[in-house]
Amino acid sequence: QVQLVESGGGLVQPGGSLRLSCAASGSIFSINVMAWYRQAPGKQREWVALITSDGRTNYVDSVKGRFTISRDNAKNTVYLQMNSLKPEDTAVYYCKAAAVTRDYWGQGTQVTVSS
């Protein structure tokens, strides 16, 4: 089993920044990929960014150049640094761990970009 706890969401003005954290515990050795997803009101959950166990990253086009995913293996934590935030980035952000046998999800953290 893997447990994921997200934090760092909040209200920010357009153009501002936030850093989300996802702390993993449990059978973390089984995790291959960590990812962030988001779900805006009335929309489907969409993938935002991922980082592999060897540090490779990838992003959805809409956040490239603005968001950065990283990991601190010593702290078993994955981060999503979000800069130049836009109102359309408003959503609940979820952390996902893709393990050998199944995926695990965190509870989500709300990000609201509004003036």
C-alpha atoms as a PDB file:
ATOM      1  CA  GLN A   1       0.000   0.000   0.000  1.00  0.00           C
ATOM      2  CA  VAL A   2       1.035   3.566  -0.709  1.00  0.00           C
ATOM      3  CA  GLN A   3      -0.336   6.621   1.028  1.00  0.00           C
ATOM      4  CA  LEU A   4      -0.166  10.064  -0.585  1.00  0.00           C
ATOM      5  CA  VAL A   5      -0.791  13.388   1.119  1.00  0.00           C
ATOM      6  CA  GLU A   6      -0.913  16.592  -0.918  1.00  0.00           C
ATOM      7  CA  SER A   7      -0.459  20.098   0.442  1.00  0.00           C
ATOM      8  CA  GLY A   8       0.300  23.607  -0.735  1.00  0.00           C
ATOM      9  CA  GLY A   9      -2.881  24.622  -2.490  1.00  0.00           C
ATOM     10  CA  GLY A  10      -4.614  27.927  -1.949  1.00  0.00           C
ATOM     11  CA  LEU A  11      -5.824  31.162  -3.469  1.00  0.00           C
ATOM     12  CA  VAL A  12      -3.412  33.114  -5.648  1.00  0.00           C
ATOM     13  CA  GLN A  13      -3.712  36.037  -8.015  1.00  0.00           C
ATOM     14  CA  PRO A  14      -3.112  35.621 -11.743  1.00  0.00           C
ATOM     15  CA  GLY A  15       0.601  35.652 -12.449  1.00  0.00           C
ATOM     16  CA  GLY A  16       1.401  34.315  -9.010  1.00  0.00           C
ATOM     17  CA  SER A  17       3.084  31.116  -7.896  1.00  0.00           C
ATOM     18  CA  LEU A  18       2.345  28.110  -5.707  1.00  0.00           C
ATOM     19  CA  ARG A  19       4.257  24.976  -4.850  1.00  0.00           C
ATOM     20  CA  LEU A  20       2.353  21.774  -4.273  1.00  0.00           C
ATOM     21  CA  SER A  21       3.822  18.891  -2.315  1.00  0.00           C
ATOM     22  CA  CYS A  22       2.940  15.206  -2.357  1.00  0.00           C
ATOM     23  CA  ALA A  23       4.401  13.137   0.468  1.00  0.00           C
ATOM     24  CA  ALA A  24       4.437   9.386  -0.097  1.00  0.00           C
ATOM     25  CA  SER A  25       4.628   6.678   2.531  1.00  0.00           C
ATOM     26  CA  GLY A  26       4.228   2.927   2.672  1.00  0.00           C
ATOM     27  CA  SER A  27       5.489   0.663  -0.115  1.00  0.00           C
ATOM     28  CA  ILE A  28       7.243   3.448  -1.972  1.00  0.00           C
ATOM     29  CA  PHE A  29       9.754   1.018  -3.492  1.00  0.00           C
ATOM     30  CA  SER A  30       6.955  -0.183  -5.765  1.00  0.00           C
ATOM     31  CA  ILE A  31       6.404   3.238  -7.344  1.00  0.00           C
ATOM     32  CA  ASN A  32       7.568   3.685 -10.935  1.00  0.00           C
ATOM     33  CA  VAL A  33       6.105   7.061 -11.832  1.00  0.00           C
ATOM     34  CA  MET A  34       4.713   9.984  -9.860  1.00  0.00           C
ATOM     35  CA  ALA A  35       2.305  12.363 -11.527  1.00  0.00           C
ATOM     36  CA  TRP A  36       0.070  15.342 -10.963  1.00  0.00           C
ATOM     37  CA  TYR A  37      -3.444  15.571 -12.330  1.00  0.00           C
ATOM     38  CA  ARG A  38      -6.081  18.243 -11.992  1.00  0.00           C
ATOM     39  CA  GLN A  39      -9.836  18.469 -12.243  1.00  0.00           C
ATOM     40  CA  ALA A  40     -11.645  21.720 -12.827  1.00  0.00           C
ATOM     41  CA  PRO A  41     -15.355  22.106 -12.015  1.00  0.00           C
ATOM     42  CA  GLY A  42     -17.486  20.388 -14.629  1.00  0.00           C
ATOM     43  CA  LYS A  43     -14.479  18.936 -16.443  1.00  0.00           C
ATOM     44  CA  GLN A  44     -12.749  15.596 -16.584  1.00  0.00           C
ATOM     45  CA  ARG A  45      -9.585  14.977 -14.637  1.00  0.00           C
ATOM     46  CA  GLU A  46      -6.556  15.700 -16.792  1.00  0.00           C
ATOM     47  CA  TRP A  47      -2.914  14.758 -16.523  1.00  0.00           C
ATOM     48  CA  VAL A  48      -0.566  17.687 -15.841  1.00  0.00           C
ATOM     49  CA  ALA A  49       2.970  16.392 -15.285  1.00  0.00           C
ATOM     50  CA  LEU A  50       4.938  13.276 -14.450  1.00  0.00           C
ATOM     51  CA  ILE A  51       8.357  12.284 -13.200  1.00  0.00           C
ATOM     52  CA  THR A  52       9.868   8.836 -13.514  1.00  0.00           C
ATOM     53  CA  SER A  53      11.989   6.994 -11.002  1.00  0.00           C
ATOM     54  CA  ASP A  54      15.092   8.029 -12.947  1.00  0.00           C
ATOM     55  CA  GLY A  55      14.071  11.675 -13.059  1.00  0.00           C
ATOM     56  CA  ARG A  56      12.634  12.069 -16.529  1.00  0.00           C
ATOM     57  CA  THR A  57       9.789  14.573 -16.740  1.00  0.00           C
ATOM     58  CA  ASN A  58       6.955  15.399 -19.079  1.00  0.00           C
ATOM     59  CA  TYR A  59       4.195  18.006 -19.119  1.00  0.00           C
ATOM     60  CA  VAL A  60       0.892  18.737 -20.776  1.00  0.00           C
ATOM     61  CA  ASP A  61       1.371  21.484 -23.350  1.00  0.00           C
ATOM     62  CA  SER A  62      -0.739  24.014 -21.446  1.00  0.00           C
ATOM     63  CA  VAL A  63       1.711  24.138 -18.519  1.00  0.00           C
ATOM     64  CA  LYS A  64       5.060  23.751 -20.296  1.00  0.00           C
ATOM     65  CA  GLY A  65       7.413  26.540 -19.335  1.00  0.00           C
ATOM     66  CA  ARG A  66       5.298  27.461 -16.294  1.00  0.00           C
ATOM     67  CA  PHE A  67       5.167  24.322 -14.127  1.00  0.00           C
ATOM     68  CA  THR A  68       8.059  22.204 -12.898  1.00  0.00           C
ATOM     69  CA  ILE A  69       7.768  18.763 -11.343  1.00  0.00           C
ATOM     70  CA  SER A  70      10.579  17.532  -9.107  1.00  0.00           C
ATOM     71  CA  ARG A  71      11.234  14.953  -6.438  1.00  0.00           C
ATOM     72  CA  ASP A  72      13.192  14.709  -3.202  1.00  0.00           C
ATOM     73  CA  ASN A  73      13.909  11.033  -2.711  1.00  0.00           C
ATOM     74  CA  ALA A  74      15.236  11.568   0.798  1.00  0.00           C
ATOM     75  CA  LYS A  75      11.875  13.013   1.812  1.00  0.00           C
ATOM     76  CA  ASN A  76       9.766  10.722  -0.418  1.00  0.00           C
ATOM     77  CA  THR A  77       8.119  13.857  -1.721  1.00  0.00           C
ATOM     78  CA  VAL A  78       7.215  15.112  -5.163  1.00  0.00           C
ATOM     79  CA  TYR A  79       6.671  18.794  -5.859  1.00  0.00           C
ATOM     80  CA  LEU A  80       4.851  20.813  -8.480  1.00  0.00           C
ATOM     81  CA  GLN A  81       6.167  24.350  -8.761  1.00  0.00           C
ATOM     82  CA  MET A  82       3.555  26.436 -10.534  1.00  0.00           C
ATOM     83  CA  ASN A  83       4.507  29.859 -11.861  1.00  0.00           C
ATOM     84  CA  SER A  84       2.682  32.425 -13.977  1.00  0.00           C
ATOM     85  CA  LEU A  85      -0.611  30.979 -12.849  1.00  0.00           C
ATOM     86  CA  LYS A  86      -3.726  31.659 -14.894  1.00  0.00           C
ATOM     87  CA  PRO A  87      -7.413  31.516 -13.950  1.00  0.00           C
ATOM     88  CA  GLU A  88      -7.738  28.424 -16.130  1.00  0.00           C
ATOM     89  CA  ASP A  89      -5.304  26.630 -13.820  1.00  0.00           C
ATOM     90  CA  THR A  90      -8.001  26.671 -11.146  1.00  0.00           C
ATOM     91  CA  ALA A  91      -8.747  23.075 -10.177  1.00  0.00           C
ATOM     92  CA  VAL A  92      -8.333  20.416  -7.549  1.00  0.00           C
ATOM     93  CA  TYR A  93      -4.836  19.001  -8.009  1.00  0.00           C
ATOM     94  CA  TYR A  94      -4.244  15.324  -7.328  1.00  0.00           C
ATOM     95  CA  CYS A  95      -1.043  13.379  -6.879  1.00  0.00           C
ATOM     96  CA  LYS A  96      -0.841   9.881  -8.343  1.00  0.00           C
ATOM     97  CA  ALA A  97       1.666   7.115  -7.745  1.00  0.00           C
ATOM     98  CA  ALA A  98       1.871   4.486 -10.467  1.00  0.00           C
ATOM     99  CA  ALA A  99       3.097   1.352  -8.729  1.00  0.00           C
ATOM    100  CA  VAL A 100       3.797  -2.130 -10.022  1.00  0.00           C
ATOM    101  CA  THR A 101       0.335  -3.519  -9.374  1.00  0.00           C
ATOM    102  CA  ARG A 102      -1.942  -0.461  -9.187  1.00  0.00           C
ATOM    103  CA  ASP A 103      -2.249   3.297  -9.028  1.00  0.00           C
ATOM    104  CA  TYR A 104      -2.672   5.275  -5.831  1.00  0.00           C
ATOM    105  CA  TRP A 105      -4.240   8.721  -5.479  1.00  0.00           C
ATOM    106  CA  GLY A 106      -4.051  11.461  -2.922  1.00  0.00           C
ATOM    107  CA  GLN A 107      -7.042  13.339  -1.589  1.00  0.00           C
ATOM    108  CA  GLY A 108      -6.435  16.459  -3.672  1.00  0.00           C
ATOM    109  CA  THR A 109      -5.640  20.060  -2.905  1.00  0.00           C
ATOM    110  CA  GLN A 110      -7.580  23.067  -4.211  1.00  0.00           C
ATOM    111  CA  VAL A 111      -5.813  25.683  -6.301  1.00  0.00           C
ATOM    112  CA  THR A 112      -7.777  28.829  -7.096  1.00  0.00           C
ATOM    113  CA  VAL A 113      -6.352  31.527  -9.354  1.00  0.00           C
ATOM    114  CA  SER A 114      -8.422  34.669  -9.102  1.00  0.00           C
ATOM    115  CA  SER A 115      -8.075  38.393  -8.596  1.00  0.00           C
END
